[in-house]
C-alpha cells in the first residue's frame, strides 16, 4: 500500500496564487474550484518529483553496485563457488 506524500488531514493554509485572469474567470464561471484543482496539481507534481528523485537514487545505487561487482566480482557468483566447493553441498 502506498503511503501518501503529504498529510491530507493537515490544516488548510491560505496562500496567494497568480493566474491568468481570463482562465480564472472562465473556470469560476463553470464552477471549477481553484483550490481543489491547485491542491490536486501540487500533489501530482510532488509525487512526480519524489518519484524522479527515487529513480535517480536507485540509478546511483545500481551504478555503485555495478562498479563494486566489476571490481570485486558478483556476490552471487562467489556464493555459488563457495557452496560448490563444500563437501556437504548437494
PDB file of N, CA and C in Angstrom:
ATOM      1  N   UNK A   1       0.841  -1.187   0.000  1.00  0.00           N
ATOM      2  CA  UNK A   1       0.000   0.000   0.000  1.00  0.00           C
ATOM      3  C   UNK A   1       0.883   1.245   0.000  1.00  0.00           C
ATOM      4  N   UNK A   2       0.593   2.162  -0.880  1.00  0.00           N
ATOM      5  CA  UNK A   2       1.370   3.405  -0.952  1.00  0.00           C
ATOM      6  C   UNK A   2       1.056   4.321   0.205  1.00  0.00           C
ATOM      7  N   UNK A   3       2.098   4.978   0.679  1.00  0.00           N
ATOM      8  CA  UNK A   3       1.897   5.989   1.703  1.00  0.00           C
ATOM      9  C   UNK A   3       1.665   7.324   1.010  1.00  0.00           C
ATOM     10  N   UNK A   4       0.763   8.137   1.553  1.00  0.00           N
ATOM     11  CA  UNK A   4       0.542   9.453   0.933  1.00  0.00           C
ATOM     12  C   UNK A   4       1.805  10.310   1.027  1.00  0.00           C
ATOM     13  N   UNK A   5       1.996  11.175   0.033  1.00  0.00           N
ATOM     14  CA  UNK A   5       3.184  12.030   0.011  1.00  0.00           C
ATOM     15  C   UNK A   5       2.999  13.275   0.874  1.00  0.00           C
ATOM     16  N   UNK A   6       1.785  13.479   1.338  1.00  0.00           N
ATOM     17  CA  UNK A   6       1.510  14.594   2.244  1.00  0.00           C
ATOM     18  C   UNK A   6       0.338  14.194   3.139  1.00  0.00           C
ATOM     19  N   UNK A   7       0.129  14.927   4.205  1.00  0.00           N
ATOM     20  CA  UNK A   7      -0.950  14.634   5.148  1.00  0.00           C
ATOM     21  C   UNK A   7      -2.242  15.286   4.657  1.00  0.00           C
ATOM     22  N   UNK A   8      -3.168  14.499   4.108  1.00  0.00           N
ATOM     23  CA  UNK A   8      -4.406  15.081   3.586  1.00  0.00           C
ATOM     24  C   UNK A   8      -5.309  15.654   4.685  1.00  0.00           C
ATOM     25  N   UNK A   9      -5.027  15.322   5.935  1.00  0.00           N
ATOM     26  CA  UNK A   9      -5.842  15.844   7.031  1.00  0.00           C
ATOM     27  C   UNK A   9      -5.244  17.111   7.651  1.00  0.00           C
ATOM     28  N   UNK A  10      -4.107  17.564   7.133  1.00  0.00           N
ATOM     29  CA  UNK A  10      -3.468  18.766   7.680  1.00  0.00           C
ATOM     30  C   UNK A  10      -4.373  19.981   7.479  1.00  0.00           C
ATOM     31  N   UNK A  11      -4.207  20.935   8.350  1.00  0.00           N
ATOM     32  CA  UNK A  11      -4.986  22.169   8.294  1.00  0.00           C
ATOM     33  C   UNK A  11      -4.723  22.897   6.976  1.00  0.00           C
ATOM     34  N   UNK A  12      -5.780  23.438   6.395  1.00  0.00           N
ATOM     35  CA  UNK A  12      -5.645  24.218   5.159  1.00  0.00           C
ATOM     36  C   UNK A  12      -4.956  25.543   5.482  1.00  0.00           C
ATOM     37  N   UNK A  13      -4.230  26.046   4.500  1.00  0.00           N
ATOM     38  CA  UNK A  13      -3.499  27.296   4.674  1.00  0.00           C
ATOM     39  C   UNK A  13      -3.852  28.230   3.522  1.00  0.00           C
ATOM     40  N   UNK A  14      -4.103  29.466   3.830  1.00  0.00           N
ATOM     41  CA  UNK A  14      -4.405  30.459   2.808  1.00  0.00           C
ATOM     42  C   UNK A  14      -3.108  30.884   2.140  1.00  0.00           C
ATOM     43  N   UNK A  15      -3.097  30.825   0.800  1.00  0.00           N
ATOM     44  CA  UNK A  15      -1.927  31.243   0.030  1.00  0.00           C
ATOM     45  C   UNK A  15      -2.402  32.143  -1.103  1.00  0.00           C
ATOM     46  N   UNK A  16      -1.481  32.841  -1.705  1.00  0.00           N
ATOM     47  CA  UNK A  16      -1.795  33.717  -2.822  1.00  0.00           C
ATOM     48  C   UNK A  16      -1.239  33.097  -4.097  1.00  0.00           C
ATOM     49  N   UNK A  17      -2.077  33.000  -5.126  1.00  0.00           N
ATOM     50  CA  UNK A  17      -1.656  32.478  -6.421  1.00  0.00           C
ATOM     51  C   UNK A  17      -1.881  33.549  -7.477  1.00  0.00           C
ATOM     52  N   UNK A  18      -1.018  33.584  -8.446  1.00  0.00           N
ATOM     53  CA  UNK A  18      -1.201  34.472  -9.584  1.00  0.00           C
ATOM     54  C   UNK A  18      -1.518  33.606 -10.790  1.00  0.00           C
ATOM     55  N   UNK A  19      -2.704  33.816 -11.366  1.00  0.00           N
ATOM     56  CA  UNK A  19      -3.123  33.035 -12.537  1.00  0.00           C
ATOM     57  C   UNK A  19      -3.665  33.990 -13.598  1.00  0.00           C
ATOM     58  N   UNK A  20      -3.742  33.490 -14.809  1.00  0.00           N
ATOM     59  CA  UNK A  20      -4.302  34.249 -15.912  1.00  0.00           C
ATOM     60  C   UNK A  20      -5.740  34.627 -15.570  1.00  0.00           C
ATOM     61  N   UNK A  21      -6.068  35.904 -15.686  1.00  0.00           N
ATOM     62  CA  UNK A  21      -7.387  36.402 -15.308  1.00  0.00           C
ATOM     63  C   UNK A  21      -8.520  35.791 -16.112  1.00  0.00           C
ATOM     64  N   UNK A  22      -8.318  35.650 -17.416  1.00  0.00           N
ATOM     65  CA  UNK A  22      -9.355  35.071 -18.267  1.00  0.00           C
ATOM     66  C   UNK A  22      -9.578  33.600 -17.914  1.00  0.00           C
ATOM     67  N   UNK A  23      -8.498  32.890 -17.698  1.00  0.00           N
ATOM     68  CA  UNK A  23      -8.593  31.480 -17.318  1.00  0.00           C
ATOM     69  C   UNK A  23      -9.356  31.334 -16.016  1.00  0.00           C
ATOM     70  N   UNK A  24      -9.028  32.166 -15.041  1.00  0.00           N
ATOM     71  CA  UNK A  24      -9.708  32.109 -13.749  1.00  0.00           C
ATOM     72  C   UNK A  24     -11.194  32.409 -13.885  1.00  0.00           C
ATOM     73  N   UNK A  25     -11.522  33.443 -14.653  1.00  0.00           N
ATOM     74  CA  UNK A  25     -12.927  33.829 -14.815  1.00  0.00           C
ATOM     75  C   UNK A  25     -13.736  32.713 -15.483  1.00  0.00           C
ATOM     76  N   UNK A  26     -13.173  32.121 -16.515  1.00  0.00           N
ATOM     77  CA  UNK A  26     -13.890  31.050 -17.223  1.00  0.00           C
ATOM     78  C   UNK A  26     -14.028  29.802 -16.351  1.00  0.00           C
ATOM     79  N   UNK A  27     -12.989  29.472 -15.609  1.00  0.00           N
ATOM     80  CA  UNK A  27     -13.057  28.312 -14.719  1.00  0.00           C
ATOM     81  C   UNK A  27     -14.070  28.546 -13.605  1.00  0.00           C
ATOM     82  N   UNK A  28     -14.058  29.747 -13.052  1.00  0.00           N
ATOM     83  CA  UNK A  28     -15.002  30.078 -11.977  1.00  0.00           C
ATOM     84  C   UNK A  28     -16.436  30.048 -12.493  1.00  0.00           C
ATOM     85  N   UNK A  29     -16.644  30.556 -13.725  1.00  0.00           N
ATOM     86  CA  UNK A  29     -17.990  30.562 -14.316  1.00  0.00           C
ATOM     87  C   UNK A  29     -18.528  29.141 -14.483  1.00  0.00           C
ATOM     88  N   UNK A  30     -17.635  28.187 -14.678  1.00  0.00           N
ATOM     89  CA  UNK A  30     -18.051  26.789 -14.830  1.00  0.00           C
ATOM     90  C   UNK A  30     -18.076  26.038 -13.502  1.00  0.00           C
ATOM     91  N   UNK A  31     -17.815  26.749 -12.419  1.00  0.00           N
ATOM     92  CA  UNK A  31     -17.886  26.142 -11.097  1.00  0.00           C
ATOM     93  C   UNK A  31     -16.670  25.317 -10.717  1.00  0.00           C
ATOM     94  N   UNK A  32     -15.567  25.554 -11.389  1.00  0.00           N
ATOM     95  CA  UNK A  32     -14.343  24.825 -11.062  1.00  0.00           C
ATOM     96  C   UNK A  32     -13.740  25.423  -9.800  1.00  0.00           C
ATOM     97  N   UNK A  33     -13.460  24.579  -8.839  1.00  0.00           N
ATOM     98  CA  UNK A  33     -12.906  25.012  -7.564  1.00  0.00           C
ATOM     99  C   UNK A  33     -11.388  25.123  -7.707  1.00  0.00           C
ATOM    100  N   UNK A  34     -10.884  26.337  -7.733  1.00  0.00           N
ATOM    101  CA  UNK A  34      -9.457  26.584  -7.926  1.00  0.00           C
ATOM    102  C   UNK A  34      -8.610  25.928  -6.840  1.00  0.00           C
ATOM    103  N   UNK A  35      -9.077  25.975  -5.612  1.00  0.00           N
ATOM    104  CA  UNK A  35      -8.310  25.382  -4.510  1.00  0.00           C
ATOM    105  C   UNK A  35      -8.154  23.874  -4.701  1.00  0.00           C
ATOM    106  N   UNK A  36      -9.235  23.196  -5.082  1.00  0.00           N
ATOM    107  CA  UNK A  36      -9.166  21.750  -5.282  1.00  0.00           C
ATOM    108  C   UNK A  36      -8.252  21.408  -6.458  1.00  0.00           C
ATOM    109  N   UNK A  37      -8.370  22.167  -7.545  1.00  0.00           N
ATOM    110  CA  UNK A  37      -7.541  21.909  -8.721  1.00  0.00           C
ATOM    111  C   UNK A  37      -6.071  22.167  -8.398  1.00  0.00           C
ATOM    112  N   UNK A  38      -5.787  23.262  -7.706  1.00  0.00           N
ATOM    113  CA  UNK A  38      -4.404  23.588  -7.346  1.00  0.00           C
ATOM    114  C   UNK A  38      -3.825  22.532  -6.408  1.00  0.00           C
ATOM    115  N   UNK A  39      -4.610  22.093  -5.438  1.00  0.00           N
ATOM    116  CA  UNK A  39      -4.136  21.079  -4.497  1.00  0.00           C
ATOM    117  C   UNK A  39      -3.846  19.759  -5.214  1.00  0.00           C
ATOM    118  N   UNK A  40      -4.732  19.358  -6.112  1.00  0.00           N
ATOM    119  CA  UNK A  40      -4.522  18.112  -6.866  1.00  0.00           C
ATOM    120  C   UNK A  40      -3.289  18.227  -7.762  1.00  0.00           C
ATOM    121  N   UNK A  41      -3.119  19.384  -8.403  1.00  0.00           N
ATOM    122  CA  UNK A  41      -1.957  19.581  -9.275  1.00  0.00           C
ATOM    123  C   UNK A  41      -0.660  19.596  -8.470  1.00  0.00           C
ATOM    124  N   UNK A  42      -0.672  20.234  -7.313  1.00  0.00           N
ATOM    125  CA  UNK A  42       0.520  20.250  -6.460  1.00  0.00           C
ATOM    126  C   UNK A  42       0.856  18.845  -5.956  1.00  0.00           C
ATOM    127  N   UNK A  43      -0.166  18.090  -5.592  1.00  0.00           N
ATOM    128  CA  UNK A  43       0.072  16.717  -5.130  1.00  0.00           C
ATOM    129  C   UNK A  43       0.667  15.874  -6.252  1.00  0.00           C
ATOM    130  N   UNK A  44       0.149  16.024  -7.467  1.00  0.00           N
ATOM    131  CA  UNK A  44       0.685  15.276  -8.613  1.00  0.00           C
ATOM    132  C   UNK A  44       2.126  15.686  -8.900  1.00  0.00           C
ATOM    133  N   UNK A  45       2.414  16.980  -8.847  1.00  0.00           N
ATOM    134  CA  UNK A  45       3.770  17.459  -9.090  1.00  0.00           C
ATOM    135  C   UNK A  45       4.722  16.953  -8.006  1.00  0.00           C
ATOM    136  N   UNK A  46       4.262  16.943  -6.761  1.00  0.00           N
ATOM    137  CA  UNK A  46       5.082  16.443  -5.661  1.00  0.00           C
ATOM    138  C   UNK A  46       5.378  14.957  -5.845  1.00  0.00           C
ATOM    139  N   UNK A  47       4.351  14.169  -6.197  1.00  0.00           N
ATOM    140  CA  UNK A  47       4.564  12.738  -6.443  1.00  0.00           C
ATOM    141  C   UNK A  47       5.567  12.523  -7.571  1.00  0.00           C
ATOM    142  N   UNK A  48       5.444  13.304  -8.640  1.00  0.00           N
ATOM    143  CA  UNK A  48       6.353  13.166  -9.785  1.00  0.00           C
ATOM    144  C   UNK A  48       7.790  13.502  -9.383  1.00  0.00           C
ATOM    145  N   UNK A  49       7.985  14.562  -8.632  1.00  0.00           N
ATOM    146  CA  UNK A  49       9.337  14.950  -8.202  1.00  0.00           C
ATOM    147  C   UNK A  49       9.937  13.913  -7.259  1.00  0.00           C
ATOM    148  N   UNK A  50       9.123  13.404  -6.337  1.00  0.00           N
ATOM    149  CA  UNK A  50       9.620  12.389  -5.405  1.00  0.00           C
ATOM    150  C   UNK A  50       9.975  11.101  -6.148  1.00  0.00           C
ATOM    151  N   UNK A  51       9.159  10.735  -7.127  1.00  0.00           N
ATOM    152  CA  UNK A  51       9.440   9.534  -7.924  1.00  0.00           C
ATOM    153  C   UNK A  51      10.728   9.717  -8.725  1.00  0.00           C
ATOM    154  N   UNK A  52      10.906  10.892  -9.304  1.00  0.00           N
ATOM    155  CA  UNK A  52      12.134  11.168 -10.067  1.00  0.00           C
ATOM    156  C   UNK A  52      13.357  11.116  -9.155  1.00  0.00           C
ATOM    157  N   UNK A  53      13.238  11.653  -7.958  1.00  0.00           N
ATOM    158  CA  UNK A  53      14.346  11.625  -7.005  1.00  0.00           C
ATOM    159  C   UNK A  53      14.653  10.182  -6.592  1.00  0.00           C
ATOM    160  N   UNK A  54      13.616   9.380  -6.379  1.00  0.00           N
ATOM    161  CA  UNK A  54      13.825   7.980  -6.012  1.00  0.00           C
ATOM    162  C   UNK A  54      14.488   7.219  -7.157  1.00  0.00           C
ATOM    163  N   UNK A  55      14.035   7.465  -8.395  1.00  0.00           N
ATOM    164  CA  UNK A  55      14.656   6.810  -9.558  1.00  0.00           C
ATOM    165  C   UNK A  55      16.128   7.188  -9.676  1.00  0.00           C
ATOM    166  N   UNK A  56      16.439   8.459  -9.468  1.00  0.00           N
ATOM    167  CA  UNK A  56      17.833   8.912  -9.554  1.00  0.00           C
ATOM    168  C   UNK A  56      18.681   8.247  -8.471  1.00  0.00           C
ATOM    169  N   UNK A  57      18.127   8.122  -7.278  1.00  0.00           N
ATOM    170  CA  UNK A  57      18.861   7.477  -6.186  1.00  0.00           C
ATOM    171  C   UNK A  57      19.081   5.992  -6.491  1.00  0.00           C
ATOM    172  N   UNK A  58      18.069   5.329  -7.030  1.00  0.00           N
ATOM    173  CA  UNK A  58      18.195   3.912  -7.391  1.00  0.00           C
ATOM    174  C   UNK A  58      19.237   3.737  -8.491  1.00  0.00           C
ATOM    175  N   UNK A  59      19.211   4.612  -9.493  1.00  0.00           N
ATOM    176  CA  UNK A  59      20.202   4.537 -10.571  1.00  0.00           C
ATOM    177  C   UNK A  59      21.620   4.726 -10.031  1.00  0.00           C
ATOM    178  N   UNK A  60      21.779   5.654  -9.103  1.00  0.00           N
ATOM    179  CA  UNK A  60      23.086   5.890  -8.488  1.00  0.00           C
ATOM    180  C   UNK A  60      23.528   4.653  -7.698  1.00  0.00           C
ATOM    181  N   UNK A  61      22.605   4.066  -6.949  1.00  0.00           N
ATOM    182  CA  UNK A  61      22.935   2.864  -6.182  1.00  0.00           C
ATOM    183  C   UNK A  61      23.284   1.697  -7.102  1.00  0.00           C
ATOM    184  N   UNK A  62      22.543   1.543  -8.196  1.00  0.00           N
ATOM    185  CA  UNK A  62      22.820   0.461  -9.140  1.00  0.00           C
ATOM    186  C   UNK A  62      24.187   0.654  -9.801  1.00  0.00           C
ATOM    187  N   UNK A  63      24.534   1.892 -10.110  1.00  0.00           N
ATOM    188  CA  UNK A  63      25.850   2.166 -10.697  1.00  0.00           C
ATOM    189  C   UNK A  63      26.956   1.829  -9.697  1.00  0.00           C
ATOM    190  N   UNK A  64      26.751   2.173  -8.435  1.00  0.00           N
ATOM    191  CA  UNK A  64      27.742   1.860  -7.401  1.00  0.00           C
ATOM    192  C   UNK A  64      27.864   0.346  -7.233  1.00  0.00           C
ATOM    193  N   UNK A  65      26.734  -0.360  -7.264  1.00  0.00           N
ATOM    194  CA  UNK A  65      26.761  -1.822  -7.152  1.00  0.00           C
ATOM    195  C   UNK A  65      27.483  -2.425  -8.359  1.00  0.00           C
ATOM    196  N   UNK A  66      27.185  -1.914  -9.552  1.00  0.00           N
ATOM    197  CA  UNK A  66      27.854  -2.399 -10.763  1.00  0.00           C
ATOM    198  C   UNK A  66      29.359  -2.205 -10.687  1.00  0.00           C
ATOM    199  N   UNK A  67      29.786  -1.064 -10.175  1.00  0.00           N
ATOM    200  CA  UNK A  67      31.219  -0.798 -10.024  1.00  0.00           C
ATOM    201  C   UNK A  67      31.837  -1.756  -9.011  1.00  0.00           C
ATOM    202  N   UNK A  68      31.106  -2.020  -7.942  1.00  0.00           N
ATOM    203  CA  UNK A  68      31.588  -2.965  -6.927  1.00  0.00           C
ATOM    204  C   UNK A  68      31.736  -4.367  -7.525  1.00  0.00           C
ATOM    205  N   UNK A  69      30.735  -4.807  -8.286  1.00  0.00           N
ATOM    206  CA  UNK A  69      30.786  -6.126  -8.917  1.00  0.00           C
ATOM    207  C   UNK A  69      31.928  -6.181  -9.925  1.00  0.00           C
ATOM    208  N   UNK A  70      32.105  -5.110 -10.662  1.00  0.00           N
ATOM    209  CA  UNK A  70      33.189  -5.043 -11.644  1.00  0.00           C
ATOM    210  C   UNK A  70      34.551  -5.198 -10.956  1.00  0.00           C
ATOM    211  N   UNK A  71      34.691  -4.574  -9.808  1.00  0.00           N
ATOM    212  CA  UNK A  71      35.971  -4.605  -9.102  1.00  0.00           C
ATOM    213  C   UNK A  71      36.180  -5.882  -8.292  1.00  0.00           C
ATOM    214  N   UNK A  72      35.108  -6.347  -7.616  1.00  0.00           N
ATOM    215  CA  UNK A  72      35.256  -7.452  -6.666  1.00  0.00           C
ATOM    216  C   UNK A  72      34.587  -8.755  -7.104  1.00  0.00           C
ATOM    217  N   UNK A  73      33.806  -8.711  -8.149  1.00  0.00           N
ATOM    218  CA  UNK A  73      33.070  -9.900  -8.578  1.00  0.00           C
ATOM    219  C   UNK A  73      31.667  -9.934  -7.997  1.00  0.00           C
ATOM    220  N   UNK A  74      30.853 -10.809  -8.540  1.00  0.00           N
ATOM    221  CA  UNK A  74      29.460 -10.924  -8.135  1.00  0.00           C
ATOM    222  C   UNK A  74      29.326 -11.688  -6.821  1.00  0.00           C
ATOM    223  N   UNK A  75      28.609 -11.143  -5.836  1.00  0.00           N
ATOM    224  CA  UNK A  75      28.381 -11.885  -4.593  1.00  0.00           C
ATOM    225  C   UNK A  75      27.664 -13.213  -4.852  1.00  0.00           C
ATOM    226  N   UNK A  76      26.750 -13.235  -5.799  1.00  0.00           N
ATOM    227  CA  UNK A  76      26.044 -14.480  -6.107  1.00  0.00           C
ATOM    228  C   UNK A  76      27.005 -15.516  -6.672  1.00  0.00           C
ATOM    229  N   UNK A  77      27.895 -15.088  -7.554  1.00  0.00           N
ATOM    230  CA  UNK A  77      28.909 -15.999  -8.112  1.00  0.00           C
ATOM    231  C   UNK A  77      29.819 -16.522  -7.012  1.00  0.00           C
ATOM    232  N   UNK A  78      30.234 -15.637  -6.113  1.00  0.00           N
ATOM    233  CA  UNK A  78      31.107 -16.052  -5.017  1.00  0.00           C
ATOM    234  C   UNK A  78      30.408 -17.077  -4.132  1.00  0.00           C
ATOM    235  N   UNK A  79      29.130 -16.860  -3.855  1.00  0.00           N
ATOM    236  CA  UNK A  79      28.374 -17.795  -3.029  1.00  0.00           C
ATOM    237  C   UNK A  79      28.238 -19.139  -3.737  1.00  0.00           C
ATOM    238  N   UNK A  80      27.926 -19.120  -5.041  1.00  0.00           N
ATOM    239  CA  UNK A  80      27.821 -20.377  -5.796  1.00  0.00           C
ATOM    240  C   UNK A  80      29.156 -21.123  -5.777  1.00  0.00           C
ATOM    241  N   UNK A  81      30.236 -20.397  -5.970  1.00  0.00           N
ATOM    242  CA  UNK A  81      31.555 -21.018  -5.932  1.00  0.00           C
ATOM    243  C   UNK A  81      31.845 -21.613  -4.562  1.00  0.00           C
ATOM    244  N   UNK A  82      31.531 -20.874  -3.516  1.00  0.00           N
ATOM    245  CA  UNK A  82      31.787 -21.337  -2.159  1.00  0.00           C
ATOM    246  C   UNK A  82      30.949 -22.567  -1.841  1.00  0.00           C
ATOM    247  N   UNK A  83      29.677 -22.538  -2.217  1.00  0.00           N
ATOM    248  CA  UNK A  83      28.802 -23.681  -1.967  1.00  0.00           C
ATOM    249  C   UNK A  83      29.224 -24.887  -2.793  1.00  0.00           C
ATOM    250  N   UNK A  84      29.687 -24.659  -3.998  1.00  0.00           N
ATOM    251  CA  UNK A  84      30.133 -25.748  -4.848  1.00  0.00           C
ATOM    252  C   UNK A  84      31.385 -26.417  -4.329  1.00  0.00           C
ATOM    253  N   UNK A  85      32.222 -25.697  -3.596  1.00  0.00           N
ATOM    254  CA  UNK A  85      33.468 -26.231  -3.069  1.00  0.00           C
ATOM    255  C   UNK A  85      33.263 -27.015  -1.775  1.00  0.00           C
ATOM    256  N   UNK A  86      32.110 -26.900  -1.167  1.00  0.00           N
ATOM    257  CA  UNK A  86      31.874 -27.577   0.108  1.00  0.00           C
ATOM    258  C   UNK A  86      31.646 -29.070  -0.102  1.00  0.00           C
ATOM    259  N   UNK A  87      32.080 -29.856   0.863  1.00  0.00           N
ATOM    260  CA  UNK A  87      31.917 -31.310   0.787  1.00  0.00           C
ATOM    261  C   UNK A  87      30.467 -31.725   0.959  1.00  0.00           C
ATOM    262  N   UNK A  88      29.717 -30.968   1.756  1.00  0.00           N
ATOM    263  CA  UNK A  88      28.322 -31.352   2.039  1.00  0.00           C
ATOM    264  C   UNK A  88      27.341 -30.713   1.070  1.00  0.00           C
ATOM    265  N   UNK A  89      27.811 -30.110  -0.013  1.00  0.00           N
ATOM    266  CA  UNK A  89      26.932 -29.465  -0.995  1.00  0.00           C
ATOM    267  C   UNK A  89      26.130 -30.529  -1.722  1.00  0.00           C
ATOM    268  N   UNK A  90      24.892 -30.262  -1.928  1.00  0.00           N
ATOM    269  CA  UNK A  90      24.013 -31.252  -2.584  1.00  0.00           C
ATOM    270  C   UNK A  90      24.166 -31.229  -4.067  1.00  0.00           C
TER     271      UNK A  90
END
